[in-house]
Every structure is written in structure tokens, then in C-alpha cells.
Amino acid sequence: MKKSLLATALFLATTAPAWAHEHGHDHSQGHAAHVHGQATLLLVVDKGLVQATLESPLDNLLGFEHAPRTDKERQAVRQMAKALQTPDTLLSFDPQAGCKLERTQLNSAVLPASLLQGNQAAPAAGAADAGHGDLEVEASYQCQNPPRTIDVRLFKHFKGLQRLNVEIVSEKEQAARQLNPAQPRIKLD
């Protein structure tokens, strides 16, 4: 079962979501469209493991999407990175699940790895599309029990994020949902 979930997740991650047509950038490499106020979250739930991959324009998280030019912008990047590596900033699970954040990895073509801190991979080579910078966050959670609900906490921490397109792959379902600040909860079947 694990191999088929992984294969499905990889398929979803490499194909553009249905809502990607909303913006005019060329995303022929399979990434979602770059739309300010919106981001994409892929969740793979397999028994006691939850893998989350967030792709967001930097503007949603920082208020700018270029390499930091000032001390204030560099500090904003450090604060964002620290927040995204804090267990409850990205996702929060129902208490019965007993989930703990195992690792996070932040990647951006325009942000220096030194500002993203921690156990981070080097930034991707090349510049962001048409001057628009994005951030990819990968997070792994280990759970004692499969979660029943997942609260997306990003809306509380990043006011520039207004809509989150979520793709879910689990043993029981493959689904797409749209979340917003008023509706940040995912109920898993």
C-alpha cells in the first residue's frame, strides 16, 4: 500500500492541479500557478506518517518575493523560516493522533540557504519564474494513530495567505479541498 500511495503522491506533485489555470505564468515543469494570496498543499497520509509539501509565493509569507535586500528583509526571512520549522505553525492534528514534527526542509530559488537555517538543502539553481519567488516547505510528521482532523495553522501566521488548495492522498481517499482563514480544517475520511 505504501508504494501505491507514494506513486499517487508523486503523480499529483508532478502534474499541475486543476486550479493552476488561474494565472498566466508558464509552469510547464509541473508546479502550481503562482497566484498571490494562494498556495498549494499536498498531504500524504499513510497510517502513522504524514508528509506535507507546501508551495507558496513568497509574497504570501513575507510580503515580498525577491532576494532580501535590507537587514529588515533578511530578518523577515529568518523569522518566517523559524516559524515554519516550529511544530504547530504549519499543521496541527487532533490530540488522539499524537503527531510530532520529525523534520522540515525549506527551499527557494531566491532566498539564501543561510537565512533559511537549520538542516536545509541548498536553494534550487536558477532564478524564479518571471521574477516571482516561491517557497517549498516539506514537513514529515510521525503519528501514533492516523489523524482524523488536520488544522492548517498557516492562516494565523501568514496574513498574506487567503486560499489554500489542498490535495490529499491516503489509504482511504484521494481528494482536493480548498481552505481559507474561516475554514482551515481538513477532516479525513
N, C-alpha and C. Protein backbone atom coordinates (compact mmCIF):
# COMPACT_ATOMS: atom_id res chain seq x y z
N MET A 1 0.82 -1.19 0.00
CA MET A 1 0.00 0.00 0.00
C MET A 1 0.86 1.26 0.00
N LYS A 2 1.97 1.24 0.70
CA LYS A 2 2.83 2.41 0.80
C LYS A 2 3.37 2.82 -0.56
N LYS A 3 3.75 1.85 -1.39
CA LYS A 3 4.28 2.18 -2.72
C LYS A 3 3.22 2.83 -3.59
N SER A 4 1.97 2.35 -3.51
CA SER A 4 0.93 2.95 -4.35
C SER A 4 0.59 4.36 -3.87
N LEU A 5 0.61 4.62 -2.57
CA LEU A 5 0.39 5.97 -2.07
C LEU A 5 1.50 6.90 -2.53
N LEU A 6 2.73 6.42 -2.45
CA LEU A 6 3.86 7.23 -2.88
C LEU A 6 3.77 7.51 -4.37
N ALA A 7 3.43 6.53 -5.16
CA ALA A 7 3.30 6.72 -6.60
C ALA A 7 2.20 7.73 -6.91
N THR A 8 1.08 7.65 -6.22
CA THR A 8 -0.01 8.59 -6.43
C THR A 8 0.42 10.00 -6.02
N ALA A 9 1.11 10.10 -4.90
CA ALA A 9 1.57 11.40 -4.43
C ALA A 9 2.54 12.02 -5.42
N LEU A 10 3.45 11.22 -5.94
CA LEU A 10 4.40 11.73 -6.93
C LEU A 10 3.68 12.18 -8.19
N PHE A 11 2.68 11.44 -8.61
CA PHE A 11 1.90 11.83 -9.77
C PHE A 11 1.23 13.18 -9.54
N LEU A 12 0.59 13.34 -8.37
CA LEU A 12 -0.08 14.60 -8.07
C LEU A 12 0.92 15.76 -7.98
N ALA A 13 2.09 15.49 -7.43
CA ALA A 13 3.09 16.54 -7.27
C ALA A 13 3.68 16.98 -8.59
N THR A 14 3.67 16.11 -9.61
CA THR A 14 4.29 16.45 -10.88
C THR A 14 3.28 16.86 -11.95
N THR A 15 2.01 16.85 -11.63
CA THR A 15 1.02 17.34 -12.58
C THR A 15 0.40 18.60 -12.03
N ALA A 16 0.10 19.53 -12.88
CA ALA A 16 -0.48 20.79 -12.42
C ALA A 16 -1.90 20.55 -11.91
N PRO A 17 -2.24 21.12 -10.77
CA PRO A 17 -3.60 20.98 -10.25
C PRO A 17 -4.61 21.66 -11.18
N ALA A 18 -5.85 21.26 -11.03
CA ALA A 18 -6.92 21.79 -11.89
C ALA A 18 -7.05 23.30 -11.78
N TRP A 19 -6.72 23.86 -10.63
CA TRP A 19 -6.88 25.30 -10.45
C TRP A 19 -5.67 26.09 -10.92
N ALA A 20 -4.68 25.46 -11.53
CA ALA A 20 -3.46 26.14 -11.94
C ALA A 20 -3.69 27.07 -13.14
N HIS A 21 -4.81 26.94 -13.81
CA HIS A 21 -5.05 27.76 -14.98
C HIS A 21 -5.36 29.22 -14.65
N GLU A 22 -5.45 29.56 -13.38
CA GLU A 22 -5.89 30.89 -12.98
C GLU A 22 -4.85 31.98 -13.21
N HIS A 23 -3.64 31.65 -13.58
CA HIS A 23 -2.58 32.65 -13.69
C HIS A 23 -1.79 32.42 -14.97
N GLY A 24 -1.27 33.45 -15.54
CA GLY A 24 -0.66 33.36 -16.85
C GLY A 24 0.79 32.93 -16.92
N HIS A 25 1.46 32.55 -15.83
CA HIS A 25 2.85 32.13 -15.92
C HIS A 25 2.98 30.76 -16.56
N ASP A 26 4.10 30.54 -17.21
CA ASP A 26 4.38 29.23 -17.78
C ASP A 26 4.92 28.32 -16.68
N HIS A 27 4.18 27.29 -16.37
CA HIS A 27 4.58 26.34 -15.34
C HIS A 27 4.64 24.95 -15.95
N SER A 28 5.37 24.84 -17.03
CA SER A 28 5.45 23.58 -17.75
C SER A 28 6.22 22.52 -17.00
N GLN A 29 6.88 22.88 -15.90
CA GLN A 29 7.60 21.89 -15.12
C GLN A 29 6.72 21.23 -14.08
N GLY A 30 5.41 21.49 -14.10
CA GLY A 30 4.50 20.77 -13.22
C GLY A 30 4.18 21.48 -11.93
N HIS A 31 4.68 22.68 -11.71
CA HIS A 31 4.37 23.38 -10.48
C HIS A 31 3.05 24.11 -10.63
N ALA A 32 2.41 24.34 -9.49
CA ALA A 32 1.14 25.06 -9.50
C ALA A 32 1.38 26.51 -9.92
N ALA A 33 0.33 27.16 -10.35
CA ALA A 33 0.43 28.54 -10.79
C ALA A 33 0.80 29.44 -9.62
N HIS A 34 1.53 30.49 -9.92
CA HIS A 34 1.98 31.47 -8.94
C HIS A 34 0.90 32.54 -8.82
N VAL A 35 0.07 32.45 -7.80
CA VAL A 35 -1.02 33.40 -7.59
C VAL A 35 -0.89 33.94 -6.18
N HIS A 36 -0.75 35.25 -6.06
CA HIS A 36 -0.63 35.85 -4.74
C HIS A 36 -1.90 35.60 -3.93
N GLY A 37 -1.72 35.30 -2.64
CA GLY A 37 -2.84 35.00 -1.76
C GLY A 37 -3.20 33.53 -1.74
N GLN A 38 -2.64 32.76 -2.67
CA GLN A 38 -2.96 31.34 -2.77
C GLN A 38 -1.70 30.49 -2.67
N ALA A 39 -1.89 29.26 -2.19
CA ALA A 39 -0.80 28.30 -2.12
C ALA A 39 -1.38 26.91 -2.32
N THR A 40 -0.49 25.94 -2.48
CA THR A 40 -0.89 24.55 -2.67
C THR A 40 -0.24 23.69 -1.60
N LEU A 41 -1.01 22.78 -1.04
CA LEU A 41 -0.52 21.85 -0.03
C LEU A 41 -0.85 20.43 -0.46
N LEU A 42 0.17 19.59 -0.56
CA LEU A 42 -0.02 18.17 -0.84
C LEU A 42 0.17 17.42 0.46
N LEU A 43 -0.82 16.63 0.86
CA LEU A 43 -0.75 15.82 2.07
C LEU A 43 -0.82 14.35 1.70
N VAL A 44 0.16 13.59 2.16
CA VAL A 44 0.15 12.14 2.01
C VAL A 44 0.05 11.56 3.41
N VAL A 45 -1.03 10.85 3.67
CA VAL A 45 -1.29 10.28 4.99
C VAL A 45 -1.26 8.77 4.85
N ASP A 46 -0.30 8.15 5.52
CA ASP A 46 -0.14 6.70 5.45
C ASP A 46 0.07 6.16 6.86
N LYS A 47 -1.01 5.70 7.46
CA LYS A 47 -1.01 5.18 8.83
C LYS A 47 -0.40 6.22 9.77
N GLY A 48 0.78 5.97 10.31
CA GLY A 48 1.38 6.87 11.28
C GLY A 48 2.32 7.91 10.69
N LEU A 49 2.28 8.10 9.38
CA LEU A 49 3.17 9.06 8.74
C LEU A 49 2.35 10.07 7.94
N VAL A 50 2.67 11.34 8.13
CA VAL A 50 2.05 12.41 7.34
C VAL A 50 3.18 13.20 6.69
N GLN A 51 3.15 13.27 5.37
CA GLN A 51 4.10 14.06 4.59
C GLN A 51 3.33 15.25 4.03
N ALA A 52 3.84 16.45 4.28
CA ALA A 52 3.20 17.66 3.78
C ALA A 52 4.19 18.43 2.91
N THR A 53 3.71 18.87 1.75
CA THR A 53 4.53 19.72 0.87
C THR A 53 3.71 20.95 0.54
N LEU A 54 4.22 22.09 0.97
CA LEU A 54 3.58 23.38 0.72
C LEU A 54 4.36 24.11 -0.36
N GLU A 55 3.65 24.64 -1.35
CA GLU A 55 4.26 25.52 -2.35
C GLU A 55 3.49 26.82 -2.32
N SER A 56 4.24 27.92 -2.07
CA SER A 56 3.61 29.22 -1.91
C SER A 56 4.46 30.32 -2.50
N PRO A 57 3.82 31.33 -3.11
CA PRO A 57 4.58 32.53 -3.46
C PRO A 57 5.14 33.14 -2.18
N LEU A 58 6.36 33.62 -2.23
CA LEU A 58 6.97 34.25 -1.06
C LEU A 58 6.16 35.45 -0.59
N ASP A 59 5.50 36.12 -1.49
CA ASP A 59 4.70 37.29 -1.13
C ASP A 59 3.67 36.95 -0.04
N ASN A 60 3.10 35.74 -0.09
CA ASN A 60 2.12 35.31 0.91
C ASN A 60 2.73 35.23 2.30
N LEU A 61 4.01 34.89 2.35
CA LEU A 61 4.68 34.60 3.62
C LEU A 61 5.55 35.75 4.12
N LEU A 62 6.04 36.57 3.19
CA LEU A 62 6.97 37.64 3.55
C LEU A 62 6.50 39.04 3.21
N GLY A 63 5.62 39.15 2.22
CA GLY A 63 5.22 40.46 1.73
C GLY A 63 6.12 40.95 0.60
N PHE A 64 7.11 40.14 0.21
CA PHE A 64 7.97 40.40 -0.94
C PHE A 64 8.43 39.05 -1.47
N GLU A 65 8.93 39.04 -2.71
CA GLU A 65 9.32 37.75 -3.30
C GLU A 65 10.62 37.82 -4.08
N HIS A 66 11.51 38.61 -3.58
CA HIS A 66 12.84 38.74 -4.18
C HIS A 66 13.87 38.39 -3.11
N ALA A 67 15.12 38.26 -3.52
CA ALA A 67 16.18 38.05 -2.54
C ALA A 67 16.20 39.24 -1.59
N PRO A 68 16.35 39.00 -0.28
CA PRO A 68 16.31 40.11 0.67
C PRO A 68 17.42 41.12 0.40
N ARG A 69 17.05 42.40 0.44
CA ARG A 69 17.99 43.48 0.12
C ARG A 69 18.41 44.29 1.35
N THR A 70 17.61 44.22 2.39
CA THR A 70 17.88 45.02 3.58
C THR A 70 17.97 44.10 4.80
N ASP A 71 18.49 44.66 5.89
CA ASP A 71 18.53 43.89 7.14
C ASP A 71 17.13 43.51 7.59
N LYS A 72 16.18 44.42 7.41
CA LYS A 72 14.79 44.15 7.80
C LYS A 72 14.22 42.97 7.00
N GLU A 73 14.49 42.92 5.70
CA GLU A 73 14.02 41.81 4.87
C GLU A 73 14.72 40.50 5.24
N ARG A 74 16.04 40.57 5.52
CA ARG A 74 16.75 39.35 5.95
C ARG A 74 16.18 38.83 7.27
N GLN A 75 15.86 39.73 8.18
CA GLN A 75 15.26 39.32 9.46
C GLN A 75 13.88 38.70 9.23
N ALA A 76 13.11 39.25 8.31
CA ALA A 76 11.79 38.69 7.99
C ALA A 76 11.92 37.26 7.46
N VAL A 77 12.94 37.01 6.62
CA VAL A 77 13.17 35.65 6.10
C VAL A 77 13.52 34.71 7.25
N ARG A 78 14.40 35.14 8.14
CA ARG A 78 14.78 34.30 9.29
C ARG A 78 13.56 33.98 10.16
N GLN A 79 12.72 34.99 10.42
CA GLN A 79 11.53 34.77 11.24
C GLN A 79 10.55 33.81 10.57
N MET A 80 10.37 33.97 9.25
CA MET A 80 9.49 33.06 8.52
C MET A 80 10.01 31.63 8.60
N ALA A 81 11.33 31.46 8.36
CA ALA A 81 11.92 30.12 8.38
C ALA A 81 11.78 29.49 9.76
N LYS A 82 12.03 30.27 10.80
CA LYS A 82 11.90 29.76 12.17
C LYS A 82 10.45 29.35 12.45
N ALA A 83 9.51 30.18 12.04
CA ALA A 83 8.09 29.86 12.25
C ALA A 83 7.70 28.58 11.54
N LEU A 84 8.15 28.41 10.29
CA LEU A 84 7.77 27.22 9.52
C LEU A 84 8.43 25.94 10.05
N GLN A 85 9.46 26.08 10.86
CA GLN A 85 10.11 24.91 11.46
C GLN A 85 9.59 24.63 12.87
N THR A 86 8.66 25.45 13.34
CA THR A 86 8.02 25.25 14.64
C THR A 86 6.85 24.30 14.43
N PRO A 87 6.71 23.27 15.28
CA PRO A 87 5.73 22.20 15.02
C PRO A 87 4.31 22.64 14.70
N ASP A 88 3.73 23.62 15.38
CA ASP A 88 2.32 23.93 15.17
C ASP A 88 2.06 25.08 14.20
N THR A 89 3.08 25.59 13.53
CA THR A 89 2.86 26.69 12.59
C THR A 89 2.22 26.20 11.31
N LEU A 90 2.66 25.08 10.80
CA LEU A 90 2.16 24.56 9.54
C LEU A 90 0.85 23.80 9.75
N LEU A 91 0.90 22.72 10.53
CA LEU A 91 -0.26 21.86 10.74
C LEU A 91 -0.42 21.52 12.23
N SER A 92 -1.67 21.29 12.61
CA SER A 92 -1.98 20.83 13.96
C SER A 92 -2.97 19.66 13.80
N PHE A 93 -2.76 18.61 14.57
CA PHE A 93 -3.56 17.38 14.43
C PHE A 93 -4.44 17.17 15.64
N ASP A 94 -5.49 16.35 15.47
CA ASP A 94 -6.32 16.01 16.62
C ASP A 94 -5.45 15.32 17.68
N PRO A 95 -5.71 15.60 18.97
CA PRO A 95 -4.83 15.08 20.04
C PRO A 95 -4.68 13.56 20.05
N GLN A 96 -5.71 12.82 19.66
CA GLN A 96 -5.64 11.36 19.67
C GLN A 96 -4.60 10.82 18.68
N ALA A 97 -4.27 11.60 17.67
CA ALA A 97 -3.30 11.15 16.68
C ALA A 97 -1.89 11.11 17.26
N GLY A 98 -1.59 11.98 18.20
CA GLY A 98 -0.26 12.00 18.80
C GLY A 98 0.84 12.25 17.79
N CYS A 99 0.67 13.26 16.94
CA CYS A 99 1.65 13.54 15.87
C CYS A 99 2.74 14.48 16.36
N LYS A 100 3.95 14.19 15.91
CA LYS A 100 5.11 15.04 16.22
C LYS A 100 5.85 15.34 14.92
N LEU A 101 6.29 16.59 14.82
CA LEU A 101 7.07 17.01 13.66
C LEU A 101 8.43 16.34 13.72
N GLU A 102 8.79 15.61 12.67
CA GLU A 102 10.08 14.92 12.59
C GLU A 102 11.14 15.79 11.92
N ARG A 103 10.77 16.42 10.79
CA ARG A 103 11.75 17.25 10.07
C ARG A 103 11.01 18.21 9.15
N THR A 104 11.70 19.31 8.84
CA THR A 104 11.22 20.24 7.83
C THR A 104 12.38 20.61 6.92
N GLN A 105 12.04 20.95 5.71
CA GLN A 105 13.04 21.40 4.75
C GLN A 105 12.42 22.53 3.95
N LEU A 106 13.12 23.65 3.86
CA LEU A 106 12.66 24.81 3.12
C LEU A 106 13.57 25.03 1.92
N ASN A 107 12.97 25.28 0.76
CA ASN A 107 13.73 25.50 -0.47
C ASN A 107 13.14 26.69 -1.23
N SER A 108 14.02 27.54 -1.73
CA SER A 108 13.61 28.67 -2.55
C SER A 108 14.73 29.02 -3.51
N ALA A 109 14.37 29.34 -4.73
CA ALA A 109 15.37 29.73 -5.72
C ALA A 109 15.91 31.13 -5.45
N VAL A 110 15.20 31.94 -4.68
CA VAL A 110 15.62 33.33 -4.48
C VAL A 110 16.11 33.64 -3.07
N LEU A 111 15.88 32.74 -2.11
CA LEU A 111 16.32 33.00 -0.74
C LEU A 111 17.60 32.23 -0.44
N PRO A 112 18.59 32.91 0.17
CA PRO A 112 19.83 32.21 0.52
C PRO A 112 19.57 31.13 1.58
N ALA A 113 20.20 29.98 1.39
CA ALA A 113 20.05 28.87 2.34
C ALA A 113 20.49 29.29 3.74
N SER A 114 21.46 30.19 3.83
CA SER A 114 21.95 30.62 5.14
C SER A 114 20.86 31.32 5.96
N LEU A 115 19.89 31.95 5.29
CA LEU A 115 18.80 32.60 6.01
C LEU A 115 17.69 31.62 6.38
N LEU A 116 17.61 30.52 5.64
CA LEU A 116 16.58 29.52 5.93
C LEU A 116 16.96 28.64 7.12
N GLN A 117 18.24 28.64 7.53
CA GLN A 117 18.76 27.99 8.74
C GLN A 117 18.42 26.51 8.85
N GLY A 118 19.05 25.91 9.84
CA GLY A 118 18.76 24.53 10.18
C GLY A 118 19.25 23.55 9.15
N ASN A 119 18.64 22.38 9.12
CA ASN A 119 19.00 21.28 8.23
C ASN A 119 18.33 21.50 6.88
N GLN A 120 18.86 22.44 6.11
CA GLN A 120 18.22 22.82 4.87
C GLN A 120 19.05 22.40 3.67
N ALA A 121 18.38 22.11 2.59
CA ALA A 121 19.06 21.86 1.32
C ALA A 121 19.43 23.20 0.71
N ALA A 122 20.37 23.18 -0.21
CA ALA A 122 20.76 24.40 -0.90
C ALA A 122 19.61 24.88 -1.76
N PRO A 123 19.51 26.19 -2.00
CA PRO A 123 18.43 26.69 -2.84
C PRO A 123 18.55 26.12 -4.25
N ALA A 124 17.42 25.99 -4.90
CA ALA A 124 17.39 25.45 -6.26
C ALA A 124 18.16 26.37 -7.19
N ALA A 125 18.77 25.80 -8.22
CA ALA A 125 19.54 26.59 -9.17
C ALA A 125 18.61 27.40 -10.05
N GLY A 126 19.09 28.55 -10.47
CA GLY A 126 18.32 29.36 -11.41
C GLY A 126 17.43 30.36 -10.71
N ALA A 127 16.90 31.27 -11.47
CA ALA A 127 16.03 32.31 -10.93
C ALA A 127 14.59 31.84 -10.95
N ALA A 128 13.78 32.48 -10.15
CA ALA A 128 12.35 32.17 -10.11
C ALA A 128 11.69 32.66 -11.39
N ASP A 129 10.56 32.06 -11.74
CA ASP A 129 9.83 32.43 -12.95
C ASP A 129 9.48 33.91 -12.95
N ALA A 130 9.86 34.61 -14.00
CA ALA A 130 9.46 35.99 -14.24
C ALA A 130 9.63 36.87 -13.02
N GLY A 131 10.65 36.61 -12.20
CA GLY A 131 10.89 37.43 -11.03
C GLY A 131 10.00 37.12 -9.85
N HIS A 132 9.19 36.10 -9.94
CA HIS A 132 8.30 35.72 -8.86
C HIS A 132 8.94 34.61 -8.05
N GLY A 133 9.22 34.87 -6.78
CA GLY A 133 9.86 33.87 -5.93
C GLY A 133 8.85 33.03 -5.18
N ASP A 134 9.16 31.76 -5.05
CA ASP A 134 8.31 30.81 -4.34
C ASP A 134 9.10 30.16 -3.22
N LEU A 135 8.38 29.53 -2.31
CA LEU A 135 8.98 28.74 -1.25
C LEU A 135 8.31 27.38 -1.26
N GLU A 136 9.13 26.34 -1.12
CA GLU A 136 8.61 24.99 -0.95
C GLU A 136 9.00 24.54 0.45
N VAL A 137 8.02 24.06 1.19
CA VAL A 137 8.24 23.55 2.54
C VAL A 137 7.84 22.08 2.54
N GLU A 138 8.76 21.22 2.95
CA GLU A 138 8.47 19.80 3.11
C GLU A 138 8.54 19.49 4.60
N ALA A 139 7.50 18.86 5.10
CA ALA A 139 7.46 18.52 6.53
C ALA A 139 7.00 17.07 6.68
N SER A 140 7.64 16.36 7.62
CA SER A 140 7.27 14.98 7.92
C SER A 140 6.84 14.90 9.37
N TYR A 141 5.71 14.26 9.59
CA TYR A 141 5.18 14.07 10.94
C TYR A 141 5.05 12.58 11.21
N GLN A 142 5.40 12.17 12.40
CA GLN A 142 5.20 10.80 12.85
C GLN A 142 4.04 10.82 13.83
N CYS A 143 3.05 9.95 13.61
CA CYS A 143 1.85 9.93 14.44
C CYS A 143 1.68 8.56 15.09
N GLN A 144 1.16 8.56 16.31
CA GLN A 144 0.87 7.29 16.99
C GLN A 144 -0.35 6.63 16.39
N ASN A 145 -1.30 7.43 15.94
CA ASN A 145 -2.53 6.94 15.30
C ASN A 145 -2.81 7.80 14.07
N PRO A 146 -3.51 7.26 13.09
CA PRO A 146 -3.85 8.07 11.92
C PRO A 146 -4.69 9.28 12.35
N PRO A 147 -4.36 10.46 11.87
CA PRO A 147 -5.13 11.65 12.25
C PRO A 147 -6.52 11.63 11.63
N ARG A 148 -7.48 12.19 12.36
CA ARG A 148 -8.85 12.33 11.85
C ARG A 148 -9.09 13.74 11.33
N THR A 149 -8.43 14.71 11.98
CA THR A 149 -8.54 16.10 11.52
C THR A 149 -7.15 16.72 11.49
N ILE A 150 -7.00 17.65 10.56
CA ILE A 150 -5.77 18.42 10.44
C ILE A 150 -6.18 19.88 10.32
N ASP A 151 -5.68 20.70 11.23
CA ASP A 151 -5.91 22.14 11.15
C ASP A 151 -4.70 22.77 10.50
N VAL A 152 -4.95 23.54 9.45
CA VAL A 152 -3.87 24.26 8.78
C VAL A 152 -3.71 25.58 9.51
N ARG A 153 -2.58 25.75 10.14
CA ARG A 153 -2.32 26.91 11.00
C ARG A 153 -1.67 28.07 10.25
N LEU A 154 -1.34 27.87 9.02
CA LEU A 154 -0.65 28.91 8.23
C LEU A 154 -1.40 30.23 8.19
N PHE A 155 -2.72 30.16 8.12
CA PHE A 155 -3.53 31.38 8.00
C PHE A 155 -3.33 32.30 9.20
N LYS A 156 -3.11 31.73 10.38
CA LYS A 156 -2.92 32.53 11.60
C LYS A 156 -1.57 33.23 11.61
N HIS A 157 -0.59 32.64 10.96
CA HIS A 157 0.77 33.16 11.00
C HIS A 157 1.13 34.02 9.79
N PHE A 158 0.45 33.79 8.68
CA PHE A 158 0.80 34.48 7.43
C PHE A 158 -0.45 35.10 6.82
N LYS A 159 -0.68 36.37 7.11
CA LYS A 159 -1.91 37.06 6.71
C LYS A 159 -2.03 37.23 5.20
N GLY A 160 -0.93 37.10 4.47
CA GLY A 160 -0.98 37.21 3.01
C GLY A 160 -1.59 35.99 2.34
N LEU A 161 -1.74 34.91 3.08
CA LEU A 161 -2.33 33.68 2.55
C LEU A 161 -3.83 33.71 2.76
N GLN A 162 -4.58 33.64 1.67
CA GLN A 162 -6.04 33.71 1.75
C GLN A 162 -6.74 32.44 1.28
N ARG A 163 -6.06 31.64 0.47
CA ARG A 163 -6.68 30.40 -0.02
C ARG A 163 -5.61 29.34 -0.17
N LEU A 164 -5.94 28.15 0.27
CA LEU A 164 -5.02 27.02 0.17
C LEU A 164 -5.70 25.89 -0.56
N ASN A 165 -5.12 25.49 -1.69
CA ASN A 165 -5.62 24.36 -2.45
C ASN A 165 -4.90 23.12 -1.92
N VAL A 166 -5.66 22.18 -1.39
CA VAL A 166 -5.10 21.01 -0.72
C VAL A 166 -5.42 19.76 -1.53
N GLU A 167 -4.39 18.96 -1.77
CA GLU A 167 -4.54 17.65 -2.39
C GLU A 167 -4.19 16.62 -1.32
N ILE A 168 -5.08 15.65 -1.12
CA ILE A 168 -4.90 14.66 -0.06
C ILE A 168 -4.84 13.28 -0.69
N VAL A 169 -3.83 12.51 -0.28
CA VAL A 169 -3.71 11.12 -0.69
C VAL A 169 -3.57 10.31 0.58
N SER A 170 -4.49 9.37 0.78
CA SER A 170 -4.42 8.48 1.93
C SER A 170 -4.89 7.10 1.49
N GLU A 171 -4.85 6.17 2.42
CA GLU A 171 -5.32 4.83 2.10
C GLU A 171 -6.81 4.82 1.79
N LYS A 172 -7.54 5.78 2.35
CA LYS A 172 -8.99 5.80 2.20
C LYS A 172 -9.50 6.75 1.13
N GLU A 173 -8.69 7.74 0.75
CA GLU A 173 -9.21 8.72 -0.21
C GLU A 173 -8.11 9.43 -0.98
N GLN A 174 -8.52 9.96 -2.11
CA GLN A 174 -7.75 10.91 -2.89
C GLN A 174 -8.71 12.06 -3.12
N ALA A 175 -8.38 13.23 -2.58
CA ALA A 175 -9.34 14.32 -2.61
C ALA A 175 -8.63 15.65 -2.78
N ALA A 176 -9.40 16.64 -3.19
CA ALA A 176 -8.93 18.02 -3.28
C ALA A 176 -9.90 18.88 -2.48
N ARG A 177 -9.33 19.81 -1.73
CA ARG A 177 -10.15 20.71 -0.92
C ARG A 177 -9.57 22.12 -1.04
N GLN A 178 -10.42 23.10 -0.81
CA GLN A 178 -9.95 24.48 -0.74
C GLN A 178 -10.22 24.98 0.68
N LEU A 179 -9.18 25.54 1.29
CA LEU A 179 -9.28 26.07 2.64
C LEU A 179 -9.05 27.58 2.60
N ASN A 180 -9.53 28.25 3.64
CA ASN A 180 -9.32 29.69 3.79
C ASN A 180 -9.26 30.01 5.28
N PRO A 181 -9.00 31.25 5.67
CA PRO A 181 -8.87 31.56 7.09
C PRO A 181 -10.11 31.20 7.91
N ALA A 182 -11.29 31.27 7.33
CA ALA A 182 -12.52 30.92 8.06
C ALA A 182 -12.76 29.41 8.09
N GLN A 183 -12.16 28.67 7.18
CA GLN A 183 -12.33 27.22 7.08
C GLN A 183 -10.96 26.56 6.94
N PRO A 184 -10.19 26.45 8.05
CA PRO A 184 -8.84 25.91 7.96
C PRO A 184 -8.70 24.42 8.29
N ARG A 185 -9.83 23.72 8.49
CA ARG A 185 -9.77 22.33 8.97
C ARG A 185 -10.02 21.33 7.85
N ILE A 186 -9.23 20.26 7.89
CA ILE A 186 -9.41 19.13 6.97
C ILE A 186 -9.89 17.96 7.80
N LYS A 187 -11.00 17.38 7.40
CA LYS A 187 -11.49 16.15 8.04
C LYS A 187 -11.16 15.00 7.12
N LEU A 188 -10.45 14.03 7.65
CA LEU A 188 -10.08 12.87 6.86
C LEU A 188 -11.11 11.77 7.03
N ASP A 189 -11.44 11.12 5.94
CA ASP A 189 -12.42 10.02 5.98
C ASP A 189 -11.77 8.74 6.45
